[in-house]
PDB file of all heavy atoms in Angstrom:
ATOM      1  N   TRP A   1     106.462 101.609  84.097  1.00  0.00           N
ATOM      2  CA  TRP A   1     107.581 100.671  84.353  1.00  0.00           C
ATOM      3  C   TRP A   1     107.112  99.228  84.339  1.00  0.00           C
ATOM      4  O   TRP A   1     107.784  98.397  83.754  1.00  0.00           O
ATOM      5  CB  TRP A   1     108.161 101.004  85.765  1.00  0.00           C
ATOM      6  CG  TRP A   1     109.148 100.001  86.261  1.00  0.00           C
ATOM      7  CD1 TRP A   1     110.376  99.760  85.765  1.00  0.00           C
ATOM      8  CD2 TRP A   1     108.943  99.094  87.367  1.00  0.00           C
ATOM      9  NE1 TRP A   1     111.002  98.757  86.485  1.00  0.00           N
ATOM     10  CE2 TRP A   1     110.139  98.315  87.483  1.00  0.00           C
ATOM     11  CE3 TRP A   1     107.877  98.873  88.239  1.00  0.00           C
ATOM     12  CZ2 TRP A   1     110.297  97.366  88.482  1.00  0.00           C
ATOM     13  CZ3 TRP A   1     108.030  97.920  89.228  1.00  0.00           C
ATOM     14  CH2 TRP A   1     109.235  97.170  89.343  1.00  0.00           C
ATOM     15  N   ILE A   2     105.964  98.970  84.903  1.00  0.00           N
ATOM     16  CA  ILE A   2     105.550  97.557  85.098  1.00  0.00           C
ATOM     17  C   ILE A   2     104.963  96.990  83.749  1.00  0.00           C
ATOM     18  O   ILE A   2     104.946  95.802  83.544  1.00  0.00           O
ATOM     19  CB  ILE A   2     104.556  97.395  86.238  1.00  0.00           C
ATOM     20  CG1 ILE A   2     104.586  95.881  86.688  1.00  0.00           C
ATOM     21  CG2 ILE A   2     103.185  97.858  85.855  1.00  0.00           C
ATOM     22  CD1 ILE A   2     103.858  95.682  88.015  1.00  0.00           C
ATOM     23  N   GLY A   3     104.468  97.861  82.884  1.00  0.00           N
ATOM     24  CA  GLY A   3     103.948  97.426  81.626  1.00  0.00           C
ATOM     25  C   GLY A   3     102.597  96.712  81.747  1.00  0.00           C
ATOM     26  O   GLY A   3     101.741  97.157  82.474  1.00  0.00           O
ATOM     27  N   SER A   4     102.448  95.617  81.048  1.00  0.00           N
ATOM     28  CA  SER A   4     101.195  94.848  81.017  1.00  0.00           C
ATOM     29  C   SER A   4     101.051  94.084  82.287  1.00  0.00           C
ATOM     30  O   SER A   4     101.470  92.902  82.426  1.00  0.00           O
ATOM     31  CB  SER A   4     101.142  93.911  79.819  1.00  0.00           C
ATOM     32  OG  SER A   4     101.271  94.613  78.615  1.00  0.00           O
ATOM     33  N   ALA A   5     100.454  94.722  83.318  1.00  0.00           N
ATOM     34  CA  ALA A   5     100.401  94.125  84.651  1.00  0.00           C
ATOM     35  C   ALA A   5      99.207  93.303  84.842  1.00  0.00           C
ATOM     36  O   ALA A   5      98.131  93.482  84.236  1.00  0.00           O
ATOM     37  CB  ALA A   5     100.453  95.247  85.687  1.00  0.00           C
ATOM     38  N   ARG A   6      99.319  92.307  85.701  1.00  0.00           N
ATOM     39  CA  ARG A   6      98.172  91.525  86.169  1.00  0.00           C
ATOM     40  C   ARG A   6      97.860  91.989  87.608  1.00  0.00           C
ATOM     41  O   ARG A   6      98.735  92.484  88.298  1.00  0.00           O
ATOM     42  CB  ARG A   6      98.501  90.004  86.252  1.00  0.00           C
ATOM     43  CG  ARG A   6      98.677  89.353  84.889  1.00  0.00           C
ATOM     44  CD  ARG A   6     100.059  89.563  84.345  1.00  0.00           C
ATOM     45  NE  ARG A   6     100.415  88.552  83.368  1.00  0.00           N
ATOM     46  CZ  ARG A   6     101.446  88.592  82.618  1.00  0.00           C
ATOM     47  NH1 ARG A   6     102.283  89.624  82.695  1.00  0.00           N
ATOM     48  NH2 ARG A   6     101.737  87.620  81.751  1.00  0.00           N
ATOM     49  N   SER A   7      96.636  91.793  88.020  1.00  0.00           N
ATOM     50  CA  SER A   7      96.267  92.219  89.373  1.00  0.00           C
ATOM     51  C   SER A   7      95.780  91.040  90.204  1.00  0.00           C
ATOM     52  O   SER A   7      94.768  90.405  89.804  1.00  0.00           O
ATOM     53  CB  SER A   7      95.152  93.280  89.326  1.00  0.00           C
ATOM     54  OG  SER A   7      95.590  94.445  88.647  1.00  0.00           O
ATOM     55  N   TYR A   8      96.509  90.718  91.257  1.00  0.00           N
ATOM     56  CA  TYR A   8      96.053  89.768  92.261  1.00  0.00           C
ATOM     57  C   TYR A   8      97.030  89.865  93.408  1.00  0.00           C
ATOM     58  O   TYR A   8      97.912  90.686  93.414  1.00  0.00           O
ATOM     59  CB  TYR A   8      95.900  88.357  91.744  1.00  0.00           C
ATOM     60  CG  TYR A   8      97.123  87.620  91.283  1.00  0.00           C
ATOM     61  CD1 TYR A   8      97.872  86.933  92.170  1.00  0.00           C
ATOM     62  CD2 TYR A   8      97.536  87.664  89.968  1.00  0.00           C
ATOM     63  CE1 TYR A   8      98.999  86.243  91.831  1.00  0.00           C
ATOM     64  CE2 TYR A   8      98.642  87.007  89.560  1.00  0.00           C
ATOM     65  CZ  TYR A   8      99.399  86.256  90.455  1.00  0.00           C
ATOM     66  OH  TYR A   8     100.507  85.630  90.062  1.00  0.00           O
ATOM     67  N   THR A   9      96.874  88.971  94.371  1.00  0.00           N
ATOM     68  CA  THR A   9      97.717  89.131  95.552  1.00  0.00           C
ATOM     69  C   THR A   9      99.162  88.737  95.300  1.00  0.00           C
ATOM     70  O   THR A   9     100.005  89.082  96.064  1.00  0.00           O
ATOM     71  CB  THR A   9      97.206  88.254  96.700  1.00  0.00           C
ATOM     72  OG1 THR A   9      97.104  86.876  96.224  1.00  0.00           O
ATOM     73  CG2 THR A   9      95.858  88.676  97.198  1.00  0.00           C
ATOM     74  N   GLY A  10      99.446  88.032  94.221  1.00  0.00           N
ATOM     75  CA  GLY A  10     100.848  87.794  93.919  1.00  0.00           C
ATOM     76  C   GLY A  10     101.178  86.348  93.706  1.00  0.00           C
ATOM     77  O   GLY A  10     100.385  85.533  93.268  1.00  0.00           O
ATOM     78  N   LEU A  11     102.429  85.955  94.016  1.00  0.00           N
ATOM     79  CA  LEU A  11     102.853  84.601  93.842  1.00  0.00           C
ATOM     80  C   LEU A  11     102.600  83.781  95.101  1.00  0.00           C
ATOM     81  O   LEU A  11     102.744  84.300  96.186  1.00  0.00           O
ATOM     82  CB  LEU A  11     104.396  84.619  93.505  1.00  0.00           C
ATOM     83  CG  LEU A  11     104.774  85.527  92.372  1.00  0.00           C
ATOM     84  CD1 LEU A  11     106.335  85.517  92.247  1.00  0.00           C
ATOM     85  CD2 LEU A  11     104.188  85.088  91.091  1.00  0.00           C
ATOM     86  N   PRO A  12     102.217  82.516  94.951  1.00  0.00           N
ATOM     87  CA  PRO A  12     102.062  81.741  93.753  1.00  0.00           C
ATOM     88  C   PRO A  12     100.774  82.080  93.012  1.00  0.00           C
ATOM     89  O   PRO A  12      99.840  82.631  93.596  1.00  0.00           O
ATOM     90  CB  PRO A  12     102.011  80.291  94.272  1.00  0.00           C
ATOM     91  CG  PRO A  12     101.481  80.453  95.624  1.00  0.00           C
ATOM     92  CD  PRO A  12     102.008  81.737  96.180  1.00  0.00           C
ATOM     93  N   LYS A  13     100.693  81.696  91.765  1.00  0.00           N
ATOM     94  CA  LYS A  13      99.608  82.134  90.906  1.00  0.00           C
ATOM     95  C   LYS A  13      98.240  81.558  91.269  1.00  0.00           C
ATOM     96  O   LYS A  13      97.187  82.077  90.910  1.00  0.00           O
ATOM     97  CB  LYS A  13      99.912  81.769  89.429  1.00  0.00           C
ATOM     98  CG  LYS A  13     101.067  82.557  88.869  1.00  0.00           C
ATOM     99  CD  LYS A  13     101.307  82.216  87.413  1.00  0.00           C
ATOM    100  CE  LYS A  13     102.453  83.047  86.834  1.00  0.00           C
ATOM    101  NZ  LYS A  13     102.668  82.771  85.420  1.00  0.00           N
ATOM    102  N   GLU A  14      98.236  80.451  92.021  1.00  0.00           N
ATOM    103  CA  GLU A  14      96.926  79.853  92.364  1.00  0.00           C
ATOM    104  C   GLU A  14      96.171  80.674  93.428  1.00  0.00           C
ATOM    105  O   GLU A  14      94.993  80.440  93.679  1.00  0.00           O
ATOM    106  CB  GLU A  14      97.114  78.435  92.870  1.00  0.00           C
ATOM    107  CG  GLU A  14      98.043  78.270  94.064  1.00  0.00           C
ATOM    108  CD  GLU A  14      99.503  78.007  93.614  1.00  0.00           C
ATOM    109  OE1 GLU A  14      99.843  78.304  92.443  1.00  0.00           O
ATOM    110  OE2 GLU A  14     100.264  77.517  94.429  1.00  0.00           O
ATOM    111  N   ASP A  15      96.851  81.615  94.055  1.00  0.00           N
ATOM    112  CA  ASP A  15      96.244  82.441  95.076  1.00  0.00           C
ATOM    113  C   ASP A  15      95.751  83.740  94.439  1.00  0.00           C
ATOM    114  O   ASP A  15      96.566  84.630  94.157  1.00  0.00           O
ATOM    115  CB  ASP A  15      97.203  82.703  96.210  1.00  0.00           C
ATOM    116  CG  ASP A  15      96.602  83.500  97.347  1.00  0.00           C
ATOM    117  OD1 ASP A  15      95.416  83.843  97.259  1.00  0.00           O
ATOM    118  OD2 ASP A  15      97.312  83.770  98.321  1.00  0.00           O
ATOM    119  N   HIS A  16      94.469  83.909  94.233  1.00  0.00           N
ATOM    120  CA  HIS A  16      93.937  85.062  93.555  1.00  0.00           C
ATOM    121  C   HIS A  16      93.008  85.906  94.423  1.00  0.00           C
ATOM    122  O   HIS A  16      92.270  86.716  93.910  1.00  0.00           O
ATOM    123  CB  HIS A  16      93.142  84.609  92.284  1.00  0.00           C
ATOM    124  CG  HIS A  16      94.027  84.130  91.202  1.00  0.00           C
ATOM    125  ND1 HIS A  16      93.734  84.307  89.864  1.00  0.00           N
ATOM    126  CD2 HIS A  16      95.225  83.468  91.201  1.00  0.00           C
ATOM    127  CE1 HIS A  16      94.685  83.753  89.099  1.00  0.00           C
ATOM    128  NE2 HIS A  16      95.595  83.244  89.907  1.00  0.00           N
ATOM    129  N   GLN A  17      93.081  85.727  95.713  1.00  0.00           N
ATOM    130  CA  GLN A  17      92.189  86.478  96.575  1.00  0.00           C
ATOM    131  C   GLN A  17      92.690  87.913  96.751  1.00  0.00           C
ATOM    132  O   GLN A  17      93.939  88.109  96.895  1.00  0.00           O
ATOM    133  CB  GLN A  17      92.086  85.826  97.939  1.00  0.00           C
ATOM    134  CG  GLN A  17      91.438  84.441  97.900  1.00  0.00           C
ATOM    135  CD  GLN A  17      90.045  84.476  97.292  1.00  0.00           C
ATOM    136  OE1 GLN A  17      89.235  85.331  97.684  1.00  0.00           O
ATOM    137  NE2 GLN A  17      89.778  83.585  96.344  1.00  0.00           N
ATOM    138  N   PRO A  18      91.853  88.918  96.696  1.00  0.00           N
ATOM    139  CA  PRO A  18      92.308  90.288  96.884  1.00  0.00           C
ATOM    140  C   PRO A  18      92.869  90.533  98.272  1.00  0.00           C
ATOM    141  O   PRO A  18      92.378  89.980  99.250  1.00  0.00           O
ATOM    142  CB  PRO A  18      91.053  91.158  96.630  1.00  0.00           C
ATOM    143  CG  PRO A  18      89.920  90.228  96.961  1.00  0.00           C
ATOM    144  CD  PRO A  18      90.364  88.881  96.542  1.00  0.00           C
ATOM    145  N   HIS A  19      93.899  91.373  98.375  1.00  0.00           N
ATOM    146  CA  HIS A  19      94.441  91.706  99.701  1.00  0.00           C
ATOM    147  C   HIS A  19      93.510  92.688 100.393  1.00  0.00           C
ATOM    148  O   HIS A  19      93.080  93.636  99.780  1.00  0.00           O
ATOM    149  CB  HIS A  19      95.853  92.271  99.551  1.00  0.00           C
ATOM    150  CG  HIS A  19      96.601  92.317 100.849  1.00  0.00           C
ATOM    151  ND1 HIS A  19      96.369  93.309 101.794  1.00  0.00           N
ATOM    152  CD2 HIS A  19      97.552  91.534 101.346  1.00  0.00           C
ATOM    153  CE1 HIS A  19      97.133  93.087 102.850  1.00  0.00           C
ATOM    154  NE2 HIS A  19      97.869  92.033 102.571  1.00  0.00           N
ATOM    155  N   PRO A  20      93.245  92.475 101.677  1.00  0.00           N
ATOM    156  CA  PRO A  20      92.290  93.352 102.364  1.00  0.00           C
ATOM    157  C   PRO A  20      92.776  94.776 102.582  1.00  0.00           C
ATOM    158  O   PRO A  20      91.985  95.688 102.840  1.00  0.00           O
ATOM    159  CB  PRO A  20      92.074  92.658 103.697  1.00  0.00           C
ATOM    160  CG  PRO A  20      93.282  91.832 103.916  1.00  0.00           C
ATOM    161  CD  PRO A  20      93.745  91.396 102.550  1.00  0.00           C
ATOM    162  N   GLU A  21      94.106  95.009 102.524  1.00  0.00           N
ATOM    163  CA  GLU A  21      94.638  96.311 102.903  1.00  0.00           C
ATOM    164  C   GLU A  21      95.239  97.080 101.711  1.00  0.00           C
ATOM    165  O   GLU A  21      95.264  98.300 101.743  1.00  0.00           O
ATOM    166  CB  GLU A  21      95.685  96.174 103.983  1.00  0.00           C
ATOM    167  CG  GLU A  21      95.143  95.623 105.262  1.00  0.00           C
ATOM    168  CD  GLU A  21      96.213  95.502 106.366  1.00  0.00           C
ATOM    169  OE1 GLU A  21      97.351  95.915 106.079  1.00  0.00           O
ATOM    170  OE2 GLU A  21      95.912  94.993 107.440  1.00  0.00           O
ATOM    171  N   TYR A  22      95.753  96.411 100.729  1.00  0.00           N
ATOM    172  CA  TYR A  22      96.399  97.111  99.616  1.00  0.00           C
ATOM    173  C   TYR A  22      96.285  96.320  98.332  1.00  0.00           C
ATOM    174  O   TYR A  22      96.055  95.097  98.364  1.00  0.00           O
ATOM    175  CB  TYR A  22      97.865  97.452  99.961  1.00  0.00           C
ATOM    176  CG  TYR A  22      98.640  96.323 100.570  1.00  0.00           C
ATOM    177  CD1 TYR A  22      99.077  95.261  99.804  1.00  0.00           C
ATOM    178  CD2 TYR A  22      98.962  96.348 101.956  1.00  0.00           C
ATOM    179  CE1 TYR A  22      99.801  94.212 100.382  1.00  0.00           C
ATOM    180  CE2 TYR A  22      99.646  95.302 102.507  1.00  0.00           C
ATOM    181  CZ  TYR A  22     100.085  94.228 101.759  1.00  0.00           C
ATOM    182  OH  TYR A  22     100.805  93.230 102.321  1.00  0.00           O
ATOM    183  N   SER A  23      96.511  97.008  97.221  1.00  0.00           N
ATOM    184  CA  SER A  23      96.448  96.293  95.903  1.00  0.00           C
ATOM    185  C   SER A  23      97.819  95.922  95.449  1.00  0.00           C
ATOM    186  O   SER A  23      98.814  96.639  95.757  1.00  0.00           O
ATOM    187  CB  SER A  23      95.743  97.191  94.914  1.00  0.00           C
ATOM    188  OG  SER A  23      96.556  98.348  94.664  1.00  0.00           O
ATOM    189  N   VAL A  24      97.905  94.850  94.717  1.00  0.00           N
ATOM    190  CA  VAL A  24      99.193  94.354  94.191  1.00  0.00           C
ATOM    191  C   VAL A  24      99.032  94.109  92.700  1.00  0.00           C
ATOM    192  O   VAL A  24      98.057  93.472  92.267  1.00  0.00           O
ATOM    193  CB  VAL A  24      99.632  93.072  94.917  1.00  0.00           C
ATOM    194  CG1 VAL A  24     100.936  92.559  94.344  1.00  0.00           C
ATOM    195  CG2 VAL A  24      99.721  93.292  96.388  1.00  0.00           C
ATOM    196  N   VAL A  25      99.997  94.567  91.929  1.00  0.00           N
ATOM    197  CA  VAL A  25     100.059  94.268  90.507  1.00  0.00           C
ATOM    198  C   VAL A  25     101.425  93.683  90.211  1.00  0.00           C
ATOM    199  O   VAL A  25     102.380  94.003  90.880  1.00  0.00           O
ATOM    200  CB  VAL A  25      99.755  95.476  89.591  1.00  0.00           C
ATOM    201  CG1 VAL A  25      98.321  95.931  89.780  1.00  0.00           C
ATOM    202  CG2 VAL A  25     100.724  96.629  89.879  1.00  0.00           C
ATOM    203  N   TRP A  26     101.509  92.845  89.201  1.00  0.00           N
ATOM    204  CA  TRP A  26     102.783  92.169  88.901  1.00  0.00           C
ATOM    205  C   TRP A  26     102.911  91.939  87.419  1.00  0.00           C
ATOM    206  O   TRP A  26     101.950  91.957  86.664  1.00  0.00           O
ATOM    207  CB  TRP A  26     102.859  90.842  89.672  1.00  0.00           C
ATOM    208  CG  TRP A  26     101.813  89.873  89.254  1.00  0.00           C
ATOM    209  CD1 TRP A  26     100.494  89.871  89.737  1.00  0.00           C
ATOM    210  CD2 TRP A  26     101.859  88.843  88.281  1.00  0.00           C
ATOM    211  NE1 TRP A  26      99.763  88.888  89.086  1.00  0.00           N
ATOM    212  CE2 TRP A  26     100.600  88.245  88.192  1.00  0.00           C
ATOM    213  CE3 TRP A  26     102.906  88.394  87.454  1.00  0.00           C
ATOM    214  CZ2 TRP A  26     100.352  87.208  87.344  1.00  0.00           C
ATOM    215  CZ3 TRP A  26     102.630  87.316  86.587  1.00  0.00           C
ATOM    216  CH2 TRP A  26     101.381  86.759  86.573  1.00  0.00           C
ATOM    217  N   ASN A  27     104.141  91.689  86.978  1.00  0.00           N
ATOM    218  CA  ASN A  27     104.398  91.344  85.600  1.00  0.00           C
ATOM    219  C   ASN A  27     105.641  90.445  85.610  1.00  0.00           C
ATOM    220  O   ASN A  27     106.724  90.800  86.043  1.00  0.00           O
ATOM    221  CB  ASN A  27     104.742  92.612  84.774  1.00  0.00           C
ATOM    222  CG  ASN A  27     104.889  92.353  83.331  1.00  0.00           C
ATOM    223  OD1 ASN A  27     105.147  91.206  82.906  1.00  0.00           O
ATOM    224  ND2 ASN A  27     104.677  93.309  82.490  1.00  0.00           N
ATOM    225  N   ASP A  28     105.476  89.221  85.116  1.00  0.00           N
ATOM    226  CA  ASP A  28     106.593  88.233  85.084  1.00  0.00           C
ATOM    227  C   ASP A  28     107.008  87.912  83.668  1.00  0.00           C
ATOM    228  O   ASP A  28     107.565  86.820  83.396  1.00  0.00           O
ATOM    229  CB  ASP A  28     106.230  86.967  85.847  1.00  0.00           C
ATOM    230  CG  ASP A  28     105.013  86.266  85.319  1.00  0.00           C
ATOM    231  OD1 ASP A  28     104.457  86.779  84.320  1.00  0.00           O
ATOM    232  OD2 ASP A  28     104.683  85.180  85.801  1.00  0.00           O
ATOM    233  N   ASP A  29     106.750  88.844  82.741  1.00  0.00           N
ATOM    234  CA  ASP A  29     107.129  88.624  81.318  1.00  0.00           C
ATOM    235  C   ASP A  29     108.626  88.706  81.114  1.00  0.00           C
ATOM    236  O   ASP A  29     109.139  88.132  80.143  1.00  0.00           O
ATOM    237  CB  ASP A  29     106.409  89.626  80.412  1.00  0.00           C
ATOM    238  CG  ASP A  29     104.921  89.325  80.332  1.00  0.00           C
ATOM    239  OD1 ASP A  29     104.499  88.194  80.604  1.00  0.00           O
ATOM    240  OD2 ASP A  29     104.181  90.289  79.975  1.00  0.00           O
ATOM    241  N   ASP A  30     109.341  89.451  81.960  1.00  0.00           N
ATOM    242  CA  ASP A  30     110.800  89.676  81.811  1.00  0.00           C
ATOM    243  C   ASP A  30     111.541  88.740  82.762  1.00  0.00           C
ATOM    244  O   ASP A  30     110.950  88.018  83.562  1.00  0.00           O
ATOM    245  CB  ASP A  30     111.135  91.116  82.067  1.00  0.00           C
ATOM    246  CG  ASP A  30     110.452  92.055  81.081  1.00  0.00           C
ATOM    247  OD1 ASP A  30     110.348  91.668  79.916  1.00  0.00           O
ATOM    248  OD2 ASP A  30     110.054  93.119  81.512  1.00  0.00           O
ATOM    249  N   ASP A  31     112.847  88.764  82.645  1.00  0.00           N
ATOM    250  CA  ASP A  31     113.681  87.946  83.527  1.00  0.00           C
ATOM    251  C   ASP A  31     113.539  88.298  85.003  1.00  0.00           C
ATOM    252  O   ASP A  31     113.602  87.454  85.869  1.00  0.00           O
ATOM    253  CB  ASP A  31     115.166  88.052  83.108  1.00  0.00           C
ATOM    254  CG  ASP A  31     115.407  87.465  81.727  1.00  0.00           C
ATOM    255  OD1 ASP A  31     114.624  86.576  81.322  1.00  0.00           O
ATOM    256  OD2 ASP A  31     116.427  87.875  81.103  1.00  0.00           O
ATOM    257  N   ILE A  32     113.311  89.584  85.288  1.00  0.00           N
ATOM    258  CA  ILE A  32     113.114  90.088  86.634  1.00  0.00           C
ATOM    259  C   ILE A  32     111.617  90.300  86.833  1.00  0.00           C
ATOM    260  O   ILE A  32     111.031  91.088  86.113  1.00  0.00           O
ATOM    261  CB  ILE A  32     113.887  91.351  86.913  1.00  0.00           C
ATOM    262  CG1 ILE A  32     115.411  91.111  86.698  1.00  0.00           C
ATOM    263  CG2 ILE A  32     113.623  91.834  88.338  1.00  0.00           C
ATOM    264  CD1 ILE A  32     116.223  92.401  86.845  1.00  0.00           C
ATOM    265  N   ILE A  33     110.985  89.628  87.762  1.00  0.00           N
ATOM    266  CA  ILE A  33     109.565  89.839  88.084  1.00  0.00           C
ATOM    267  C   ILE A  33     109.393  91.236  88.684  1.00  0.00           C
ATOM    268  O   ILE A  33     110.137  91.588  89.582  1.00  0.00           O
ATOM    269  CB  ILE A  33     109.063  88.741  89.029  1.00  0.00           C
ATOM    270  CG1 ILE A  33     109.185  87.377  88.364  1.00  0.00           C
ATOM    271  CG2 ILE A  33     107.592  89.025  89.393  1.00  0.00           C
ATOM    272  CD1 ILE A  33     108.859  86.221  89.341  1.00  0.00           C
ATOM    273  N   LYS A  34     108.432  91.961  88.155  1.00  0.00           N
ATOM    274  CA  LYS A  34     108.131  93.309  88.717  1.00  0.00           C
ATOM    275  C   LYS A  34     106.821  93.250  89.506  1.00  0.00           C
ATOM    276  O   LYS A  34     105.812  92.757  88.980  1.00  0.00           O
ATOM    277  CB  LYS A  34     107.988  94.318  87.544  1.00  0.00           C
ATOM    278  CG  LYS A  34     109.213  94.412  86.695  1.00  0.00           C
ATOM    279  CD  LYS A  34     108.979  95.428  85.492  1.00  0.00           C
ATOM    280  CE  LYS A  34     110.191  95.546  84.637  1.00  0.00           C
ATOM    281  NZ  LYS A  34     109.924  96.429  83.485  1.00  0.00           N
ATOM    282  N   ILE A  35     106.865  93.775  90.692  1.00  0.00           N
ATOM    283  CA  ILE A  35     105.685  93.753  91.553  1.00  0.00           C
ATOM    284  C   ILE A  35     105.534  95.167  92.178  1.00  0.00           C
ATOM    285  O   ILE A  35     106.507  95.752  92.615  1.00  0.00           O
ATOM    286  CB  ILE A  35     105.839  92.720  92.669  1.00  0.00           C
ATOM    287  CG1 ILE A  35     106.065  91.346  92.129  1.00  0.00           C
ATOM    288  CG2 ILE A  35     104.617  92.733  93.616  1.00  0.00           C
ATOM    289  CD1 ILE A  35     106.490  90.296  93.140  1.00  0.00           C
ATOM    290  N   ILE A  36     104.319  95.638  92.175  1.00  0.00           N
ATOM    291  CA  ILE A  36     103.973  96.946  92.803  1.00  0.00           C
ATOM    292  C   ILE A  36     102.968  96.745  93.878  1.00  0.00           C
ATOM    293  O   ILE A  36     101.921  96.114  93.645  1.00  0.00           O
ATOM    294  CB  ILE A  36     103.478  97.976  91.825  1.00  0.00           C
ATOM    295  CG1 ILE A  36     104.538  98.246  90.696  1.00  0.00           C
ATOM    296  CG2 ILE A  36     103.127  99.288  92.508  1.00  0.00           C
ATOM    297  CD1 ILE A  36     103.993  99.115  89.568  1.00  0.00           C
ATOM    298  N   ILE A  37     103.210  97.182  95.079  1.00  0.00           N
ATOM    299  CA  ILE A  37     102.254  97.160  96.121  1.00  0.00           C
ATOM    300  C   ILE A  37     101.827  98.623  96.392  1.00  0.00           C
ATOM    301  O   ILE A  37     102.624  99.480  96.717  1.00  0.00           O
ATOM    302  CB  ILE A  37     102.867  96.621  97.488  1.00  0.00           C
ATOM    303  CG1 ILE A  37     103.288  95.153  97.281  1.00  0.00           C
ATOM    304  CG2 ILE A  37     101.857  96.730  98.599  1.00  0.00           C
ATOM    305  CD1 ILE A  37     103.948  94.536  98.449  1.00  0.00           C
ATOM    306  N   ASN A  38     100.533  98.857  96.186  1.00  0.00           N
ATOM    307  CA  ASN A  38     100.001 100.233  96.353  1.00  0.00           C
ATOM    308  C   ASN A  38      99.266 100.296  97.658  1.00  0.00           C
ATOM    309  O   ASN A  38      98.226  99.639  97.853  1.00  0.00           O
ATOM    310  CB  ASN A  38      99.046 100.566  95.191  1.00  0.00           C
ATOM    311  CG  ASN A  38      99.781 100.731  93.884  1.00  0.00           C
ATOM    312  OD1 ASN A  38     100.676 101.578  93.768  1.00  0.00           O
ATOM    313  ND2 ASN A  38      99.422  99.933  92.872  1.00  0.00           N
ATOM    314  N   ILE A  39      99.781 101.145  98.577  1.00  0.00           N
ATOM    315  CA  ILE A  39      99.137 101.319  99.895  1.00  0.00           C
ATOM    316  C   ILE A  39      98.193 102.495  99.792  1.00  0.00           C
ATOM    317  O   ILE A  39      98.549 103.545  99.236  1.00  0.00           O
ATOM    318  CB  ILE A  39     100.195 101.549 100.967  1.00  0.00           C
ATOM    319  CG1 ILE A  39     101.107 100.295 101.056  1.00  0.00           C
ATOM    320  CG2 ILE A  39      99.569 101.795 102.314  1.00  0.00           C
ATOM    321  CD1 ILE A  39     102.208 100.388 102.103  1.00  0.00           C
ATOM    322  N   PRO A  40      96.958 102.402 100.327  1.00  0.00           N
ATOM    323  CA  PRO A  40      95.975 103.455 100.141  1.00  0.00           C
ATOM    324  C   PRO A  40      96.211 104.759 100.944  1.00  0.00           C
ATOM    325  O   PRO A  40      95.504 105.717 100.751  1.00  0.00           O
ATOM    326  CB  PRO A  40      94.675 102.803 100.588  1.00  0.00           C
ATOM    327  CG  PRO A  40      95.081 101.749 101.554  1.00  0.00           C
ATOM    328  CD  PRO A  40      96.413 101.231 101.010  1.00  0.00           C
ATOM    329  N   GLU A  41      97.219 104.758 101.829  1.00  0.00           N
ATOM    330  CA  GLU A  41      97.574 105.938 102.567  1.00  0.00           C
ATOM    331  C   GLU A  41      99.036 105.890 102.894  1.00  0.00           C
ATOM    332  O   GLU A  41      99.637 104.802 102.855  1.00  0.00           O
ATOM    333  CB  GLU A  41      96.726 106.011 103.836  1.00  0.00           C
ATOM    334  CG  GLU A  41      96.940 104.829 104.794  1.00  0.00           C
ATOM    335  CD  GLU A  41      96.060 104.884 106.024  1.00  0.00           C
ATOM    336  OE1 GLU A  41      95.351 105.876 106.159  1.00  0.00           O
ATOM    337  OE2 GLU A  41      96.139 103.949 106.823  1.00  0.00           O
ATOM    338  N   ASN A  42      99.609 106.996 103.248  1.00  0.00           N
ATOM    339  CA  ASN A  42     101.029 107.045 103.624  1.00  0.00           C
ATOM    340  C   ASN A  42     101.183 106.430 105.050  1.00  0.00           C
ATOM    341  O   ASN A  42     100.753 107.033 105.998  1.00  0.00           O
ATOM    342  CB  ASN A  42     101.605 108.421 103.568  1.00  0.00           C
ATOM    343  CG  ASN A  42     103.043 108.478 104.011  1.00  0.00           C
ATOM    344  OD1 ASN A  42     103.746 107.486 103.997  1.00  0.00           O
ATOM    345  ND2 ASN A  42     103.485 109.663 104.382  1.00  0.00           N
ATOM    346  N   ARG A  43     101.809 105.280 105.116  1.00  0.00           N
ATOM    347  CA  ARG A  43     102.014 104.664 106.414  1.00  0.00           C
ATOM    348  C   ARG A  43     103.478 104.739 106.865  1.00  0.00           C
ATOM    349  O   ARG A  43     103.926 104.025 107.721  1.00  0.00           O
ATOM    350  CB  ARG A  43     101.592 103.149 106.339  1.00  0.00           C
ATOM    351  CG  ARG A  43     100.076 103.028 106.101  1.00  0.00           C
ATOM    352  CD  ARG A  43      99.640 101.607 106.060  1.00  0.00           C
ATOM    353  NE  ARG A  43      98.226 101.494 105.693  1.00  0.00           N
ATOM    354  CZ  ARG A  43      97.608 100.341 105.456  1.00  0.00           C
ATOM    355  NH1 ARG A  43      98.249  99.179 105.548  1.00  0.00           N
ATOM    356  NH2 ARG A  43      96.318 100.344 105.125  1.00  0.00           N
ATOM    357  N   GLY A  44     104.206 105.663 106.251  1.00  0.00           N
ATOM    358  CA  GLY A  44     105.571 105.870 106.641  1.00  0.00           C
ATOM    359  C   GLY A  44     106.471 104.784 106.197  1.00  0.00           C
ATOM    360  O   GLY A  44     106.057 103.762 105.640  1.00  0.00           O
ATOM    361  N   GLY A  45     107.786 104.970 106.433  1.00  0.00           N
ATOM    362  CA  GLY A  45     108.714 103.939 106.050  1.00  0.00           C
ATOM    363  C   GLY A  45     108.461 102.604 106.676  1.00  0.00           C
ATOM    364  O   GLY A  45     108.557 101.575 106.027  1.00  0.00           O
ATOM    365  N   SER A  46     108.127 102.601 107.968  1.00  0.00           N
ATOM    366  CA  SER A  46     107.933 101.324 108.669  1.00  0.00           C
ATOM    367  C   SER A  46     106.693 100.588 108.106  1.00  0.00           C
ATOM    368  O   SER A  46     106.730  99.350 107.944  1.00  0.00           O
ATOM    369  CB  SER A  46     107.745 101.556 110.172  1.00  0.00           C
ATOM    370  OG  SER A  46     106.620 102.394 110.474  1.00  0.00           O
ATOM    371  N   GLY A  47     105.656 101.332 107.768  1.00  0.00           N
ATOM    372  CA  GLY A  47     104.475 100.658 107.171  1.00  0.00           C
ATOM    373  C   GLY A  47     104.816 100.111 105.803  1.00  0.00           C
ATOM    374  O   GLY A  47     104.331  99.053 105.395  1.00  0.00           O
TER     375      GLY A  47
END
């Protein structure tokens, strides 16, 4: 779904530090920006 994704903490682009708890990938090539946050364990709906 996300296609050619970039990996970093997200927007704004000048912030490239890795997130300590989960990974984030994004793609802003289309009109709607696509972002995926991958959590390393199931933390339930609230997490």
